Amino acid sequence: MLDLVIKNGWIVNGTGTPGFAGEVAIHQGKIAAVSPRITESAQRVIDATRNVIAPGFIDVHTHYDAQVLWDPLCTSSSWHGSTTVVTGNCGFTLAPCRPQDREYLTRMLAVVEDMSLEALQRGITWGWEDFPGYLRTIEQRPKAINVGCYIGHSAVRRYVMGEDCRRAATEGEIARMQDVVGE
């Protein structure tokens, strides 16, 4: 028995081929069949009449690093059909971050990405220092979509080099940055 069958939809599979009328079967969390008609029984059936059946869309360039902490929909990406977002673009992230550098990273996001400083200050509930800690924090939050994260070079440089992060890094600092990213 299948877990789910989505019937009577217009399938647009993302390959560039024309859409077509059909049905999709799901078994153990994976697509088991795509066919004009699925006859096998399922625990759940969704009638997709007048709807499109499509794979998830990925918004690969977002700055939801802070917003994901208070907005489980990651609006407006989800409002436009994205089911996955990728944060940490342009080298800006909230981790790694030592407590004394929180204001620096918050202001950097506000200025460079034209975000509301007040919204960032109110919405960011710091509870991490390293990148794995940030990932655990967002994993524990309710989310309506998937979130993937890059680790930003600006945060890594500040974490390793402190306030002197605008100069050229030494070989030792570069090695430490590689370790931090590896963690």
C-alpha atoms as a PDB file:
ATOM      1  CA  MET A   1       0.000   0.000   0.000  1.00  0.00           C
ATOM      2  CA  LEU A   2       1.223   3.488  -0.851  1.00  0.00           C
ATOM      3  CA  ASP A   3       1.469   6.261   1.730  1.00  0.00           C
ATOM      4  CA  LEU A   4       0.014   8.965  -0.510  1.00  0.00           C
ATOM      5  CA  VAL A   5      -1.406   9.422  -3.980  1.00  0.00           C
ATOM      6  CA  ILE A   6      -1.927  12.881  -5.449  1.00  0.00           C
ATOM      7  CA  LYS A   7      -4.543  12.482  -8.161  1.00  0.00           C
ATOM      8  CA  ASN A   8      -5.913  14.536 -11.048  1.00  0.00           C
ATOM      9  CA  GLY A   9      -3.160  17.171 -11.098  1.00  0.00           C
ATOM     10  CA  TRP A  10      -1.211  18.962 -13.783  1.00  0.00           C
ATOM     11  CA  ILE A  11       2.370  17.707 -13.380  1.00  0.00           C
ATOM     12  CA  VAL A  12       5.203  20.136 -14.022  1.00  0.00           C
ATOM     13  CA  ASN A  13       8.395  18.278 -13.189  1.00  0.00           C
ATOM     14  CA  GLY A  14      10.993  21.021 -13.591  1.00  0.00           C
ATOM     15  CA  THR A  15      12.864  19.370 -16.476  1.00  0.00           C
ATOM     16  CA  GLY A  16      11.618  21.831 -19.091  1.00  0.00           C
ATOM     17  CA  THR A  17       9.277  19.331 -20.727  1.00  0.00           C
ATOM     18  CA  PRO A  18       5.644  20.358 -21.118  1.00  0.00           C
ATOM     19  CA  GLY A  19       3.302  19.752 -18.201  1.00  0.00           C
ATOM     20  CA  PHE A  20       0.896  16.833 -18.361  1.00  0.00           C
ATOM     21  CA  ALA A  21      -2.162  15.476 -16.573  1.00  0.00           C
ATOM     22  CA  GLY A  22      -1.266  12.767 -14.136  1.00  0.00           C
ATOM     23  CA  GLU A  23      -0.856  11.400 -10.651  1.00  0.00           C
ATOM     24  CA  VAL A  24       2.019  10.974  -8.200  1.00  0.00           C
ATOM     25  CA  ALA A  25       2.471   8.115  -5.733  1.00  0.00           C
ATOM     26  CA  ILE A  26       4.540   8.462  -2.545  1.00  0.00           C
ATOM     27  CA  HIS A  27       5.901   5.510  -0.566  1.00  0.00           C
ATOM     28  CA  GLN A  28       8.174   5.793   2.482  1.00  0.00           C
ATOM     29  CA  GLY A  29       8.776   9.491   1.841  1.00  0.00           C
ATOM     30  CA  LYS A  30       9.852   9.061  -1.785  1.00  0.00           C
ATOM     31  CA  ILE A  31       8.162   9.357  -5.145  1.00  0.00           C
ATOM     32  CA  ALA A  32       7.239   5.795  -6.113  1.00  0.00           C
ATOM     33  CA  ALA A  33       5.471   6.514  -9.411  1.00  0.00           C
ATOM     34  CA  VAL A  34       4.401   9.264 -11.764  1.00  0.00           C
ATOM     35  CA  SER A  35       1.728   8.101 -14.143  1.00  0.00           C
ATOM     36  CA  PRO A  36      -1.386   9.230 -15.981  1.00  0.00           C
ATOM     37  CA  ARG A  37      -3.361   6.966 -13.600  1.00  0.00           C
ATOM     38  CA  ILE A  38      -2.292   5.232 -10.377  1.00  0.00           C
ATOM     39  CA  THR A  39      -4.509   2.321  -9.367  1.00  0.00           C
ATOM     40  CA  GLU A  40      -2.701   1.072  -6.250  1.00  0.00           C
ATOM     41  CA  SER A  41      -4.444   1.942  -2.981  1.00  0.00           C
ATOM     42  CA  ALA A  42      -3.004   4.532  -0.593  1.00  0.00           C
ATOM     43  CA  GLN A  43      -3.396   5.482   3.052  1.00  0.00           C
ATOM     44  CA  ARG A  44      -4.114   9.064   1.964  1.00  0.00           C
ATOM     45  CA  VAL A  45      -5.357  10.515  -1.314  1.00  0.00           C
ATOM     46  CA  ILE A  46      -5.267  14.175  -2.310  1.00  0.00           C
ATOM     47  CA  ASP A  47      -7.429  15.391  -5.177  1.00  0.00           C
ATOM     48  CA  ALA A  48      -5.333  17.983  -7.025  1.00  0.00           C
ATOM     49  CA  THR A  49      -7.985  18.882  -9.598  1.00  0.00           C
ATOM     50  CA  ARG A  50      -7.226  22.382 -11.024  1.00  0.00           C
ATOM     51  CA  ASN A  51      -3.827  22.366  -9.233  1.00  0.00           C
ATOM     52  CA  VAL A  52      -0.225  21.906 -10.305  1.00  0.00           C
ATOM     53  CA  ILE A  53       1.899  19.132  -8.846  1.00  0.00           C
ATOM     54  CA  ALA A  54       5.533  20.236  -8.860  1.00  0.00           C
ATOM     55  CA  PRO A  55       8.754  19.532  -6.989  1.00  0.00           C
ATOM     56  CA  GLY A  56       9.820  21.954  -4.310  1.00  0.00           C
ATOM     57  CA  PHE A  57      11.384  25.193  -5.441  1.00  0.00           C
ATOM     58  CA  ILE A  58      14.629  26.379  -3.846  1.00  0.00           C
ATOM     59  CA  ASP A  59      15.332  30.048  -3.191  1.00  0.00           C
ATOM     60  CA  VAL A  60      19.126  29.855  -3.334  1.00  0.00           C
ATOM     61  CA  HIS A  61      19.885  33.458  -2.412  1.00  0.00           C
ATOM     62  CA  THR A  62      18.268  34.694   0.788  1.00  0.00           C
ATOM     63  CA  HIS A  63      19.237  36.591   3.907  1.00  0.00           C
ATOM     64  CA  TYR A  64      16.871  34.854   6.324  1.00  0.00           C
ATOM     65  CA  ASP A  65      19.693  34.140   8.801  1.00  0.00           C
ATOM     66  CA  ALA A  66      17.897  36.230  11.438  1.00  0.00           C
ATOM     67  CA  GLN A  67      14.344  36.111  10.094  1.00  0.00           C
ATOM     68  CA  VAL A  68      14.207  32.297  10.360  1.00  0.00           C
ATOM     69  CA  LEU A  69      14.355  32.823  14.133  1.00  0.00           C
ATOM     70  CA  TRP A  70      10.944  34.531  14.207  1.00  0.00           C
ATOM     71  CA  ASP A  71       9.313  33.746  10.860  1.00  0.00           C
ATOM     72  CA  PRO A  72       8.715  29.990  10.354  1.00  0.00           C
ATOM     73  CA  LEU A  73       7.392  30.642   6.826  1.00  0.00           C
ATOM     74  CA  CYS A  74      10.490  32.576   5.706  1.00  0.00           C
ATOM     75  CA  THR A  75       8.150  34.963   3.949  1.00  0.00           C
ATOM     76  CA  SER A  76       8.123  36.048   1.230  1.00  0.00           C
ATOM     77  CA  SER A  77       9.963  33.106  -0.346  1.00  0.00           C
ATOM     78  CA  SER A  78       7.269  30.663   0.748  1.00  0.00           C
ATOM     79  CA  TRP A  79       4.586  33.053  -0.501  1.00  0.00           C
ATOM     80  CA  HIS A  80       6.144  32.691  -3.953  1.00  0.00           C
ATOM     81  CA  GLY A  81       6.196  28.886  -3.862  1.00  0.00           C
ATOM     82  CA  SER A  82       9.651  28.118  -2.473  1.00  0.00           C
ATOM     83  CA  THR A  83       9.803  25.079  -0.232  1.00  0.00           C
ATOM     84  CA  THR A  84      13.492  25.496   0.603  1.00  0.00           C
ATOM     85  CA  VAL A  85      15.630  28.575   1.261  1.00  0.00           C
ATOM     86  CA  VAL A  86      19.394  28.921   1.498  1.00  0.00           C
ATOM     87  CA  THR A  87      20.765  31.485   3.956  1.00  0.00           C
ATOM     88  CA  GLY A  88      24.234  32.899   4.504  1.00  0.00           C
ATOM     89  CA  ASN A  89      24.637  34.490   1.114  1.00  0.00           C
ATOM     90  CA  CYS A  90      27.089  37.314   0.349  1.00  0.00           C
ATOM     91  CA  GLY A  91      29.315  36.156   3.205  1.00  0.00           C
ATOM     92  CA  PHE A  92      26.953  37.366   5.936  1.00  0.00           C
ATOM     93  CA  THR A  93      25.794  35.062   8.724  1.00  0.00           C
ATOM     94  CA  LEU A  94      25.072  35.251  12.438  1.00  0.00           C
ATOM     95  CA  ALA A  95      27.569  32.524  13.304  1.00  0.00           C
ATOM     96  CA  PRO A  96      30.146  31.970  14.410  1.00  0.00           C
ATOM     97  CA  CYS A  97      29.872  34.933  16.742  1.00  0.00           C
ATOM     98  CA  ARG A  98      31.407  35.707  20.105  1.00  0.00           C
ATOM     99  CA  PRO A  99      29.075  37.554  22.505  1.00  0.00           C
ATOM    100  CA  GLN A 100      31.101  40.776  22.181  1.00  0.00           C
ATOM    101  CA  ASP A 101      30.622  40.721  18.370  1.00  0.00           C
ATOM    102  CA  ARG A 102      26.829  40.321  18.279  1.00  0.00           C
ATOM    103  CA  GLU A 103      26.222  44.042  17.781  1.00  0.00           C
ATOM    104  CA  TYR A 104      28.831  44.144  14.994  1.00  0.00           C
ATOM    105  CA  LEU A 105      27.224  41.300  13.002  1.00  0.00           C
ATOM    106  CA  THR A 106      23.709  42.619  13.616  1.00  0.00           C
ATOM    107  CA  ARG A 107      24.660  46.098  12.369  1.00  0.00           C
ATOM    108  CA  MET A 108      26.499  44.621   9.382  1.00  0.00           C
ATOM    109  CA  LEU A 109      23.339  42.770   8.286  1.00  0.00           C
ATOM    110  CA  ALA A 110      21.250  45.890   8.865  1.00  0.00           C
ATOM    111  CA  VAL A 111      23.515  48.146   6.806  1.00  0.00           C
ATOM    112  CA  VAL A 112      24.650  45.880   4.000  1.00  0.00           C
ATOM    113  CA  GLU A 113      21.336  44.093   3.463  1.00  0.00           C
ATOM    114  CA  ASP A 114      19.128  47.116   4.275  1.00  0.00           C
ATOM    115  CA  MET A 115      17.380  45.348   7.141  1.00  0.00           C
ATOM    116  CA  SER A 116      15.667  47.003  10.066  1.00  0.00           C
ATOM    117  CA  LEU A 117      18.186  47.187  12.916  1.00  0.00           C
ATOM    118  CA  GLU A 118      15.334  47.338  15.412  1.00  0.00           C
ATOM    119  CA  ALA A 119      13.717  44.189  13.985  1.00  0.00           C
ATOM    120  CA  LEU A 120      17.044  42.364  14.103  1.00  0.00           C
ATOM    121  CA  GLN A 121      17.767  43.437  17.668  1.00  0.00           C
ATOM    122  CA  ARG A 122      14.304  42.392  18.841  1.00  0.00           C
ATOM    123  CA  GLY A 123      14.120  39.179  16.843  1.00  0.00           C
ATOM    124  CA  ILE A 124      17.538  37.630  17.376  1.00  0.00           C
ATOM    125  CA  THR A 125      17.633  35.581  20.554  1.00  0.00           C
ATOM    126  CA  TRP A 126      21.320  34.784  20.799  1.00  0.00           C
ATOM    127  CA  GLY A 127      21.975  31.360  22.260  1.00  0.00           C
ATOM    128  CA  TRP A 128      24.977  30.177  20.270  1.00  0.00           C
ATOM    129  CA  GLU A 129      28.566  31.092  19.568  1.00  0.00           C
ATOM    130  CA  ASP A 130      29.697  28.580  16.950  1.00  0.00           C
ATOM    131  CA  PHE A 131      28.043  27.614  13.679  1.00  0.00           C
ATOM    132  CA  PRO A 132      26.878  24.172  14.898  1.00  0.00           C
ATOM    133  CA  GLY A 133      25.151  25.985  17.785  1.00  0.00           C
ATOM    134  CA  TYR A 134      23.377  28.299  15.332  1.00  0.00           C
ATOM    135  CA  LEU A 135      22.255  25.289  13.286  1.00  0.00           C
ATOM    136  CA  ARG A 136      20.904  23.574  16.421  1.00  0.00           C
ATOM    137  CA  THR A 137      19.022  26.769  17.288  1.00  0.00           C
ATOM    138  CA  ILE A 138      17.259  26.999  13.930  1.00  0.00           C
ATOM    139  CA  GLU A 139      16.645  23.239  13.837  1.00  0.00           C
ATOM    140  CA  GLN A 140      14.737  23.551  17.133  1.00  0.00           C
ATOM    141  CA  ARG A 141      12.484  26.337  15.809  1.00  0.00           C
ATOM    142  CA  PRO A 142       9.250  25.482  14.043  1.00  0.00           C
ATOM    143  CA  LYS A 143       9.603  25.914  10.296  1.00  0.00           C
ATOM    144  CA  ALA A 144       7.132  25.549   7.465  1.00  0.00           C
ATOM    145  CA  ILE A 145       9.892  25.145   4.858  1.00  0.00           C
ATOM    146  CA  ASN A 146      13.370  23.654   4.594  1.00  0.00           C
ATOM    147  CA  VAL A 147      16.391  25.810   5.466  1.00  0.00           C
ATOM    148  CA  GLY A 148      19.958  25.267   4.279  1.00  0.00           C
ATOM    149  CA  CYS A 149      22.836  27.471   5.403  1.00  0.00           C
ATOM    150  CA  TYR A 150      26.138  28.705   4.104  1.00  0.00           C
ATOM    151  CA  ILE A 151      28.701  29.832   6.650  1.00  0.00           C
ATOM    152  CA  GLY A 152      29.643  33.447   5.987  1.00  0.00           C
ATOM    153  CA  HIS A 153      33.250  34.526   5.616  1.00  0.00           C
ATOM    154  CA  SER A 154      32.598  37.865   7.333  1.00  0.00           C
ATOM    155  CA  ALA A 155      31.494  36.153  10.534  1.00  0.00           C
ATOM    156  CA  VAL A 156      34.348  33.628  10.361  1.00  0.00           C
ATOM    157  CA  ARG A 157      36.969  36.381   9.914  1.00  0.00           C
ATOM    158  CA  ARG A 158      35.544  38.373  12.834  1.00  0.00           C
ATOM    159  CA  TYR A 159      35.377  35.242  14.997  1.00  0.00           C
ATOM    160  CA  VAL A 160      39.028  34.379  14.374  1.00  0.00           C
ATOM    161  CA  MET A 161      40.583  37.850  13.959  1.00  0.00           C
ATOM    162  CA  GLY A 162      38.404  39.953  16.259  1.00  0.00           C
ATOM    163  CA  GLU A 163      38.096  43.687  15.643  1.00  0.00           C
ATOM    164  CA  ASP A 164      41.181  43.595  13.386  1.00  0.00           C
ATOM    165  CA  CYS A 165      39.356  41.500  10.774  1.00  0.00           C
ATOM    166  CA  ARG A 166      39.772  43.934   7.849  1.00  0.00           C
ATOM    167  CA  ARG A 167      43.511  43.382   7.403  1.00  0.00           C
ATOM    168  CA  ALA A 168      45.111  40.445   5.580  1.00  0.00           C
ATOM    169  CA  ALA A 169      44.926  37.273   7.636  1.00  0.00           C
ATOM    170  CA  THR A 170      48.089  35.477   8.697  1.00  0.00           C
ATOM    171  CA  GLU A 171      48.720  31.858   7.724  1.00  0.00           C
ATOM    172  CA  GLY A 172      47.826  30.838  11.280  1.00  0.00           C
ATOM    173  CA  GLU A 173      44.549  32.772  11.146  1.00  0.00           C
ATOM    174  CA  ILE A 174      43.695  31.224   7.797  1.00  0.00           C
ATOM    175  CA  ALA A 175      44.334  27.773   9.263  1.00  0.00           C
ATOM    176  CA  ARG A 176      42.094  28.603  12.245  1.00  0.00           C
ATOM    177  CA  MET A 177      39.357  29.865   9.879  1.00  0.00           C
ATOM    178  CA  GLN A 178      39.569  26.578   7.974  1.00  0.00           C
ATOM    179  CA  ASP A 179      39.174  24.702  11.272  1.00  0.00           C
ATOM    180  CA  VAL A 180      36.154  26.819  12.230  1.00  0.00           C
ATOM    181  CA  VAL A 181      34.479  26.163   8.871  1.00  0.00           C
ATOM    182  CA  GLY A 182      35.350  22.475   9.142  1.00  0.00           C
ATOM    183  CA  GLU A 183      33.641  22.251  12.507  1.00  0.00           C
END
